[in-house]
């Protein structure tokens, strides 16, 4: 059998953002501690990492990346709380975005030393896996230079539409955070922000359900996303029960 990295896939279901963030940090630390424990052993003799891939949905929440601007939040924190929306400042790259029910969130926690050590390639691979998934639904998607994430092209009087946000953080080549793919997402929540800091009038946010005109099974999308991630990154995977 080809010596590919093994990724343990955990489905956290609908979970509070703070709880998932804490769990990510725990797993991230475990992978870094593993690297430190075996740093004096040759890579051929070193035990393989137990990479993780977390799937989840979140209760309504806005997150602001370390390079984001507070001015891109259009509603006060008090106003958000009144509507049941949480707000967190976090350590990923990128600006401000929304997570909520009906959105598929993926958190790859990979040691890139066992894949490739290139941040830009890592983000491009995430984008490619999502783009391949959208192709399965008959949608042509693309990258827009200067804007991380996955987009649908403008056509006629319709502007370019962002369907997947990406924001990552790496430490010692171990990744955390990831992507948020709008599947059946309630898009009205994006009115509270300038999504990802993009204020151009010819760009907006969309969802898979909106584009194909029907609600989509989130489990079906998870299966497709995982298949394309495994193919793009070149890993084997097994399902594992979360240890929350």
C-alpha atoms as a PDB file:
ATOM      1  CA  UNK A   1       0.000   0.000   0.000  1.00  0.00           C
ATOM      2  CA  UNK A   2       1.220   3.458  -0.862  1.00  0.00           C
ATOM      3  CA  UNK A   3       2.585   5.274   2.178  1.00  0.00           C
ATOM      4  CA  UNK A   4       0.066   8.088   2.449  1.00  0.00           C
ATOM      5  CA  UNK A   5      -0.709  10.146   5.561  1.00  0.00           C
ATOM      6  CA  UNK A   6      -3.619   8.802   7.619  1.00  0.00           C
ATOM      7  CA  UNK A   7      -6.291  11.317   8.611  1.00  0.00           C
ATOM      8  CA  UNK A   8      -8.840  10.682  11.353  1.00  0.00           C
ATOM      9  CA  UNK A   9     -12.173  12.282  10.463  1.00  0.00           C
ATOM     10  CA  UNK A  10     -14.427  13.463  13.290  1.00  0.00           C
ATOM     11  CA  UNK A  11     -17.935  14.851  12.847  1.00  0.00           C
ATOM     12  CA  UNK A  12     -18.718  17.233  15.714  1.00  0.00           C
ATOM     13  CA  UNK A  13     -22.263  17.968  14.505  1.00  0.00           C
ATOM     14  CA  UNK A  14     -23.859  21.255  15.571  1.00  0.00           C
ATOM     15  CA  UNK A  15     -21.506  22.705  18.165  1.00  0.00           C
ATOM     16  CA  UNK A  16     -20.826  26.025  19.873  1.00  0.00           C
ATOM     17  CA  UNK A  17     -17.918  27.863  18.277  1.00  0.00           C
ATOM     18  CA  UNK A  18     -15.984  28.233  21.548  1.00  0.00           C
ATOM     19  CA  UNK A  19     -16.148  24.500  22.254  1.00  0.00           C
ATOM     20  CA  UNK A  20     -14.952  23.578  18.762  1.00  0.00           C
ATOM     21  CA  UNK A  21     -12.176  26.184  18.934  1.00  0.00           C
ATOM     22  CA  UNK A  22     -10.950  24.767  22.269  1.00  0.00           C
ATOM     23  CA  UNK A  23     -11.009  21.246  20.820  1.00  0.00           C
ATOM     24  CA  UNK A  24      -9.053  22.384  17.761  1.00  0.00           C
ATOM     25  CA  UNK A  25      -6.404  23.897  20.010  1.00  0.00           C
ATOM     26  CA  UNK A  26      -6.101  20.658  21.992  1.00  0.00           C
ATOM     27  CA  UNK A  27      -5.600  18.578  18.854  1.00  0.00           C
ATOM     28  CA  UNK A  28      -3.241  21.150  17.360  1.00  0.00           C
ATOM     29  CA  UNK A  29      -1.092  21.003  20.487  1.00  0.00           C
ATOM     30  CA  UNK A  30      -1.023  17.187  20.390  1.00  0.00           C
ATOM     31  CA  UNK A  31       0.407  17.202  16.867  1.00  0.00           C
ATOM     32  CA  UNK A  32       3.013  19.812  17.790  1.00  0.00           C
ATOM     33  CA  UNK A  33       3.975  17.900  20.953  1.00  0.00           C
ATOM     34  CA  UNK A  34       4.392  14.761  18.818  1.00  0.00           C
ATOM     35  CA  UNK A  35       6.814  16.616  16.550  1.00  0.00           C
ATOM     36  CA  UNK A  36       8.818  17.856  19.502  1.00  0.00           C
ATOM     37  CA  UNK A  37       8.981  14.392  21.092  1.00  0.00           C
ATOM     38  CA  UNK A  38      10.486  12.814  17.994  1.00  0.00           C
ATOM     39  CA  UNK A  39      12.484  15.713  16.534  1.00  0.00           C
ATOM     40  CA  UNK A  40      15.819  13.902  17.082  1.00  0.00           C
ATOM     41  CA  UNK A  41      14.660  10.792  15.206  1.00  0.00           C
ATOM     42  CA  UNK A  42      14.961  10.505  11.437  1.00  0.00           C
ATOM     43  CA  UNK A  43      11.745  11.023   9.496  1.00  0.00           C
ATOM     44  CA  UNK A  44      11.814   7.403   8.291  1.00  0.00           C
ATOM     45  CA  UNK A  45      11.860   6.046  11.859  1.00  0.00           C
ATOM     46  CA  UNK A  46       9.520   8.632  13.397  1.00  0.00           C
ATOM     47  CA  UNK A  47       5.978   7.430  14.227  1.00  0.00           C
ATOM     48  CA  UNK A  48       3.423   8.939  11.851  1.00  0.00           C
ATOM     49  CA  UNK A  49       1.194  11.786  12.947  1.00  0.00           C
ATOM     50  CA  UNK A  50      -2.486  11.273  13.675  1.00  0.00           C
ATOM     51  CA  UNK A  51      -3.798  14.050  11.454  1.00  0.00           C
ATOM     52  CA  UNK A  52      -7.353  15.226  12.088  1.00  0.00           C
ATOM     53  CA  UNK A  53     -10.162  16.529   9.924  1.00  0.00           C
ATOM     54  CA  UNK A  54     -13.101  17.984  11.855  1.00  0.00           C
ATOM     55  CA  UNK A  55     -16.515  18.598  10.299  1.00  0.00           C
ATOM     56  CA  UNK A  56     -19.149  20.653  12.074  1.00  0.00           C
ATOM     57  CA  UNK A  57     -21.859  23.271  11.966  1.00  0.00           C
ATOM     58  CA  UNK A  58     -21.932  26.199  14.377  1.00  0.00           C
ATOM     59  CA  UNK A  59     -24.633  28.124  16.144  1.00  0.00           C
ATOM     60  CA  UNK A  60     -24.772  31.655  14.656  1.00  0.00           C
ATOM     61  CA  UNK A  61     -21.411  33.320  15.211  1.00  0.00           C
ATOM     62  CA  UNK A  62     -19.186  35.961  13.641  1.00  0.00           C
ATOM     63  CA  UNK A  63     -15.409  35.536  13.777  1.00  0.00           C
ATOM     64  CA  UNK A  64     -12.802  38.192  13.089  1.00  0.00           C
ATOM     65  CA  UNK A  65      -9.336  37.108  11.939  1.00  0.00           C
ATOM     66  CA  UNK A  66      -6.125  38.657  13.203  1.00  0.00           C
ATOM     67  CA  UNK A  67      -5.757  40.818  10.091  1.00  0.00           C
ATOM     68  CA  UNK A  68      -9.429  41.844  10.058  1.00  0.00           C
ATOM     69  CA  UNK A  69     -10.887  45.263  10.721  1.00  0.00           C
ATOM     70  CA  UNK A  70     -13.432  45.982  13.454  1.00  0.00           C
ATOM     71  CA  UNK A  71     -15.094  48.421  11.038  1.00  0.00           C
ATOM     72  CA  UNK A  72     -16.248  45.456   8.942  1.00  0.00           C
ATOM     73  CA  UNK A  73     -18.641  44.534  11.761  1.00  0.00           C
ATOM     74  CA  UNK A  74     -21.776  46.530  10.944  1.00  0.00           C
ATOM     75  CA  UNK A  75     -23.782  45.679  14.075  1.00  0.00           C
ATOM     76  CA  UNK A  76     -22.743  46.353  17.664  1.00  0.00           C
ATOM     77  CA  UNK A  77     -21.814  43.404  19.844  1.00  0.00           C
ATOM     78  CA  UNK A  78     -24.848  44.212  21.994  1.00  0.00           C
ATOM     79  CA  UNK A  79     -27.036  44.113  18.892  1.00  0.00           C
ATOM     80  CA  UNK A  80     -25.574  40.761  17.906  1.00  0.00           C
ATOM     81  CA  UNK A  81     -26.260  39.288  21.333  1.00  0.00           C
ATOM     82  CA  UNK A  82     -29.855  40.466  21.091  1.00  0.00           C
ATOM     83  CA  UNK A  83     -30.189  38.406  17.900  1.00  0.00           C
ATOM     84  CA  UNK A  84     -28.474  35.358  19.373  1.00  0.00           C
ATOM     85  CA  UNK A  85     -25.254  35.827  17.398  1.00  0.00           C
ATOM     86  CA  UNK A  86     -21.888  35.376  19.140  1.00  0.00           C
ATOM     87  CA  UNK A  87     -18.705  37.245  18.204  1.00  0.00           C
ATOM     88  CA  UNK A  88     -15.081  36.113  18.555  1.00  0.00           C
ATOM     89  CA  UNK A  89     -11.702  37.584  17.703  1.00  0.00           C
ATOM     90  CA  UNK A  90      -9.486  34.674  16.701  1.00  0.00           C
ATOM     91  CA  UNK A  91      -5.976  33.851  15.457  1.00  0.00           C
ATOM     92  CA  UNK A  92      -6.681  32.703  11.900  1.00  0.00           C
ATOM     93  CA  UNK A  93      -5.805  34.705   8.816  1.00  0.00           C
ATOM     94  CA  UNK A  94      -8.458  36.603   6.930  1.00  0.00           C
ATOM     95  CA  UNK A  95     -11.068  39.126   7.929  1.00  0.00           C
ATOM     96  CA  UNK A  96     -14.603  38.714   9.287  1.00  0.00           C
ATOM     97  CA  UNK A  97     -17.016  35.937   8.390  1.00  0.00           C
ATOM     98  CA  UNK A  98     -20.192  34.222   9.548  1.00  0.00           C
ATOM     99  CA  UNK A  99     -20.755  30.623  10.653  1.00  0.00           C
ATOM    100  CA  UNK A 100     -24.169  29.140  11.279  1.00  0.00           C
ATOM    101  CA  UNK A 101     -26.520  26.192  10.782  1.00  0.00           C
ATOM    102  CA  UNK A 102     -26.640  24.849   7.250  1.00  0.00           C
ATOM    103  CA  UNK A 103     -23.027  25.801   6.614  1.00  0.00           C
ATOM    104  CA  UNK A 104     -20.413  23.042   6.363  1.00  0.00           C
ATOM    105  CA  UNK A 105     -17.316  23.971   8.345  1.00  0.00           C
ATOM    106  CA  UNK A 106     -14.127  21.949   7.979  1.00  0.00           C
ATOM    107  CA  UNK A 107     -11.073  22.141  10.223  1.00  0.00           C
ATOM    108  CA  UNK A 108      -8.080  20.198   8.836  1.00  0.00           C
ATOM    109  CA  UNK A 109      -5.457  19.764  11.547  1.00  0.00           C
ATOM    110  CA  UNK A 110      -2.574  18.511   9.449  1.00  0.00           C
ATOM    111  CA  UNK A 111       1.156  18.363  10.050  1.00  0.00           C
ATOM    112  CA  UNK A 112       2.289  19.689   6.694  1.00  0.00           C
ATOM    113  CA  UNK A 113       5.730  18.162   7.235  1.00  0.00           C
ATOM    114  CA  UNK A 114       4.029  14.916   6.153  1.00  0.00           C
ATOM    115  CA  UNK A 115       2.417  16.596   3.114  1.00  0.00           C
ATOM    116  CA  UNK A 116       4.325  19.656   1.846  1.00  0.00           C
ATOM    117  CA  UNK A 117       5.600  22.799   3.559  1.00  0.00           C
ATOM    118  CA  UNK A 118       3.996  25.534   1.497  1.00  0.00           C
ATOM    119  CA  UNK A 119       1.231  27.693   2.963  1.00  0.00           C
ATOM    120  CA  UNK A 120       0.044  29.012  -0.387  1.00  0.00           C
ATOM    121  CA  UNK A 121      -0.161  25.507  -1.834  1.00  0.00           C
ATOM    122  CA  UNK A 122      -2.121  24.423   1.245  1.00  0.00           C
ATOM    123  CA  UNK A 123      -4.751  27.129   0.717  1.00  0.00           C
ATOM    124  CA  UNK A 124      -4.899  26.437  -3.045  1.00  0.00           C
ATOM    125  CA  UNK A 125      -5.489  22.731  -2.318  1.00  0.00           C
ATOM    126  CA  UNK A 126      -8.382  23.578   0.020  1.00  0.00           C
ATOM    127  CA  UNK A 127      -9.861  25.759  -2.693  1.00  0.00           C
ATOM    128  CA  UNK A 128      -9.410  23.001  -5.285  1.00  0.00           C
ATOM    129  CA  UNK A 129     -11.169  20.393  -3.136  1.00  0.00           C
ATOM    130  CA  UNK A 130     -14.146  22.721  -2.684  1.00  0.00           C
ATOM    131  CA  UNK A 131     -14.205  23.623  -6.372  1.00  0.00           C
ATOM    132  CA  UNK A 132     -14.257  19.928  -7.296  1.00  0.00           C
ATOM    133  CA  UNK A 133     -17.189  19.417  -4.918  1.00  0.00           C
ATOM    134  CA  UNK A 134     -19.126  22.243  -6.557  1.00  0.00           C
ATOM    135  CA  UNK A 135     -18.462  20.686  -9.959  1.00  0.00           C
ATOM    136  CA  UNK A 136     -20.337  17.612  -8.701  1.00  0.00           C
ATOM    137  CA  UNK A 137     -23.397  19.878  -8.435  1.00  0.00           C
ATOM    138  CA  UNK A 138     -22.945  21.314 -11.907  1.00  0.00           C
ATOM    139  CA  UNK A 139     -21.484  24.617 -10.719  1.00  0.00           C
ATOM    140  CA  UNK A 140     -18.478  26.271 -12.304  1.00  0.00           C
ATOM    141  CA  UNK A 141     -16.412  27.952  -9.593  1.00  0.00           C
ATOM    142  CA  UNK A 142     -13.147  29.844  -9.623  1.00  0.00           C
ATOM    143  CA  UNK A 143     -10.537  31.736  -7.677  1.00  0.00           C
ATOM    144  CA  UNK A 144     -10.379  35.516  -7.838  1.00  0.00           C
ATOM    145  CA  UNK A 145      -6.808  36.875  -7.625  1.00  0.00           C
ATOM    146  CA  UNK A 146      -6.265  38.738  -4.374  1.00  0.00           C
ATOM    147  CA  UNK A 147      -9.253  37.151  -2.620  1.00  0.00           C
ATOM    148  CA  UNK A 148      -8.916  33.863  -0.750  1.00  0.00           C
ATOM    149  CA  UNK A 149     -11.846  31.468  -1.044  1.00  0.00           C
ATOM    150  CA  UNK A 150     -14.051  29.996  -3.735  1.00  0.00           C
ATOM    151  CA  UNK A 151     -16.315  32.045  -5.977  1.00  0.00           C
ATOM    152  CA  UNK A 152     -18.961  31.665  -8.643  1.00  0.00           C
ATOM    153  CA  UNK A 153     -18.376  33.906 -11.657  1.00  0.00           C
ATOM    154  CA  UNK A 154     -20.450  36.953 -12.457  1.00  0.00           C
ATOM    155  CA  UNK A 155     -22.871  36.384 -15.317  1.00  0.00           C
ATOM    156  CA  UNK A 156     -25.298  38.800 -16.925  1.00  0.00           C
ATOM    157  CA  UNK A 157     -26.613  41.084 -14.201  1.00  0.00           C
ATOM    158  CA  UNK A 158     -25.427  38.716 -11.443  1.00  0.00           C
ATOM    159  CA  UNK A 159     -22.201  39.695  -9.647  1.00  0.00           C
ATOM    160  CA  UNK A 160     -19.391  37.349  -8.625  1.00  0.00           C
ATOM    161  CA  UNK A 161     -20.565  35.392  -5.588  1.00  0.00           C
ATOM    162  CA  UNK A 162     -18.512  33.995  -2.721  1.00  0.00           C
ATOM    163  CA  UNK A 163     -19.655  30.529  -1.684  1.00  0.00           C
ATOM    164  CA  UNK A 164     -16.763  29.370   0.498  1.00  0.00           C
ATOM    165  CA  UNK A 165     -14.576  31.319   2.937  1.00  0.00           C
ATOM    166  CA  UNK A 166     -11.117  30.106   3.948  1.00  0.00           C
ATOM    167  CA  UNK A 167      -8.983  31.212   6.873  1.00  0.00           C
ATOM    168  CA  UNK A 168      -6.079  29.236   8.344  1.00  0.00           C
ATOM    169  CA  UNK A 169      -3.448  29.383  11.054  1.00  0.00           C
ATOM    170  CA  UNK A 170      -0.174  27.444  11.150  1.00  0.00           C
ATOM    171  CA  UNK A 171       2.340  26.855  13.902  1.00  0.00           C
ATOM    172  CA  UNK A 172       5.398  24.626  13.306  1.00  0.00           C
ATOM    173  CA  UNK A 173       3.666  23.609  10.047  1.00  0.00           C
ATOM    174  CA  UNK A 174       0.639  22.261  11.906  1.00  0.00           C
ATOM    175  CA  UNK A 175      -2.617  23.729  10.604  1.00  0.00           C
ATOM    176  CA  UNK A 176      -5.872  24.749  12.247  1.00  0.00           C
ATOM    177  CA  UNK A 177      -9.064  26.599  11.281  1.00  0.00           C
ATOM    178  CA  UNK A 178     -10.057  25.931   7.665  1.00  0.00           C
ATOM    179  CA  UNK A 179     -13.074  26.550   5.439  1.00  0.00           C
ATOM    180  CA  UNK A 180     -16.774  27.403   5.632  1.00  0.00           C
ATOM    181  CA  UNK A 181     -18.873  26.256   2.674  1.00  0.00           C
ATOM    182  CA  UNK A 182     -22.333  27.798   2.418  1.00  0.00           C
ATOM    183  CA  UNK A 183     -24.646  24.864   1.739  1.00  0.00           C
ATOM    184  CA  UNK A 184     -28.078  25.707   3.194  1.00  0.00           C
ATOM    185  CA  UNK A 185     -26.811  28.767   5.076  1.00  0.00           C
ATOM    186  CA  UNK A 186     -29.237  31.534   6.089  1.00  0.00           C
ATOM    187  CA  UNK A 187     -27.599  34.338   4.153  1.00  0.00           C
ATOM    188  CA  UNK A 188     -29.368  37.200   5.934  1.00  0.00           C
ATOM    189  CA  UNK A 189     -26.788  36.934   8.735  1.00  0.00           C
ATOM    190  CA  UNK A 190     -24.139  38.286   6.368  1.00  0.00           C
ATOM    191  CA  UNK A 191     -25.934  41.651   6.536  1.00  0.00           C
ATOM    192  CA  UNK A 192     -24.225  42.189   9.897  1.00  0.00           C
ATOM    193  CA  UNK A 193     -20.784  42.338   8.261  1.00  0.00           C
ATOM    194  CA  UNK A 194     -18.747  43.244   5.224  1.00  0.00           C
ATOM    195  CA  UNK A 195     -17.965  39.576   4.458  1.00  0.00           C
ATOM    196  CA  UNK A 196     -14.226  38.890   4.500  1.00  0.00           C
ATOM    197  CA  UNK A 197     -13.710  42.653   4.248  1.00  0.00           C
ATOM    198  CA  UNK A 198     -14.928  42.739   0.648  1.00  0.00           C
ATOM    199  CA  UNK A 199     -17.018  45.842   0.045  1.00  0.00           C
ATOM    200  CA  UNK A 200     -17.112  45.904  -3.750  1.00  0.00           C
ATOM    201  CA  UNK A 201     -20.655  46.322  -5.081  1.00  0.00           C
ATOM    202  CA  UNK A 202     -20.064  43.675  -7.757  1.00  0.00           C
ATOM    203  CA  UNK A 203     -19.527  40.899  -5.220  1.00  0.00           C
ATOM    204  CA  UNK A 204     -21.917  39.138  -2.846  1.00  0.00           C
ATOM    205  CA  UNK A 205     -22.323  35.950  -0.795  1.00  0.00           C
ATOM    206  CA  UNK A 206     -24.291  32.910  -1.939  1.00  0.00           C
ATOM    207  CA  UNK A 207     -25.016  29.288  -0.990  1.00  0.00           C
ATOM    208  CA  UNK A 208     -25.192  25.964  -2.767  1.00  0.00           C
ATOM    209  CA  UNK A 209     -28.926  25.735  -2.084  1.00  0.00           C
ATOM    210  CA  UNK A 210     -29.542  29.178  -3.565  1.00  0.00           C
ATOM    211  CA  UNK A 211     -27.548  28.394  -6.684  1.00  0.00           C
ATOM    212  CA  UNK A 212     -29.150  25.045  -7.510  1.00  0.00           C
ATOM    213  CA  UNK A 213     -32.617  25.905  -6.241  1.00  0.00           C
ATOM    214  CA  UNK A 214     -33.039  23.244  -3.561  1.00  0.00           C
ATOM    215  CA  UNK A 215     -31.884  22.300  -0.088  1.00  0.00           C
ATOM    216  CA  UNK A 216     -28.929  19.932  -0.092  1.00  0.00           C
ATOM    217  CA  UNK A 217     -28.075  17.064   2.264  1.00  0.00           C
ATOM    218  CA  UNK A 218     -25.184  18.197   4.437  1.00  0.00           C
ATOM    219  CA  UNK A 219     -24.043  14.587   4.859  1.00  0.00           C
ATOM    220  CA  UNK A 220     -23.916  14.225   1.091  1.00  0.00           C
ATOM    221  CA  UNK A 221     -21.746  17.333   0.796  1.00  0.00           C
ATOM    222  CA  UNK A 222     -19.461  16.123   3.610  1.00  0.00           C
ATOM    223  CA  UNK A 223     -18.887  12.868   1.773  1.00  0.00           C
ATOM    224  CA  UNK A 224     -17.996  14.653  -1.458  1.00  0.00           C
ATOM    225  CA  UNK A 225     -15.759  17.207   0.261  1.00  0.00           C
ATOM    226  CA  UNK A 226     -13.867  14.455   2.088  1.00  0.00           C
ATOM    227  CA  UNK A 227     -13.409  12.469  -1.115  1.00  0.00           C
ATOM    228  CA  UNK A 228     -11.978  15.473  -2.933  1.00  0.00           C
ATOM    229  CA  UNK A 229      -9.745  16.465  -0.008  1.00  0.00           C
ATOM    230  CA  UNK A 230      -8.332  12.926   0.137  1.00  0.00           C
ATOM    231  CA  UNK A 231      -7.705  12.952  -3.604  1.00  0.00           C
ATOM    232  CA  UNK A 232      -6.203  16.441  -3.680  1.00  0.00           C
ATOM    233  CA  UNK A 233      -3.980  16.079  -0.605  1.00  0.00           C
ATOM    234  CA  UNK A 234      -3.260  12.372  -1.103  1.00  0.00           C
ATOM    235  CA  UNK A 235      -4.297  10.831   2.218  1.00  0.00           C
ATOM    236  CA  UNK A 236      -6.142   7.807   3.577  1.00  0.00           C
ATOM    237  CA  UNK A 237      -8.872   8.450   6.137  1.00  0.00           C
ATOM    238  CA  UNK A 238     -10.832   6.691   8.843  1.00  0.00           C
ATOM    239  CA  UNK A 239     -13.852   7.827  10.834  1.00  0.00           C
ATOM    240  CA  UNK A 240     -13.301   8.434  14.545  1.00  0.00           C
ATOM    241  CA  UNK A 241     -15.631   9.374  17.371  1.00  0.00           C
ATOM    242  CA  UNK A 242     -14.847  12.845  18.804  1.00  0.00           C
ATOM    243  CA  UNK A 243     -13.273  12.925  22.272  1.00  0.00           C
ATOM    244  CA  UNK A 244     -15.111  15.997  23.510  1.00  0.00           C
END
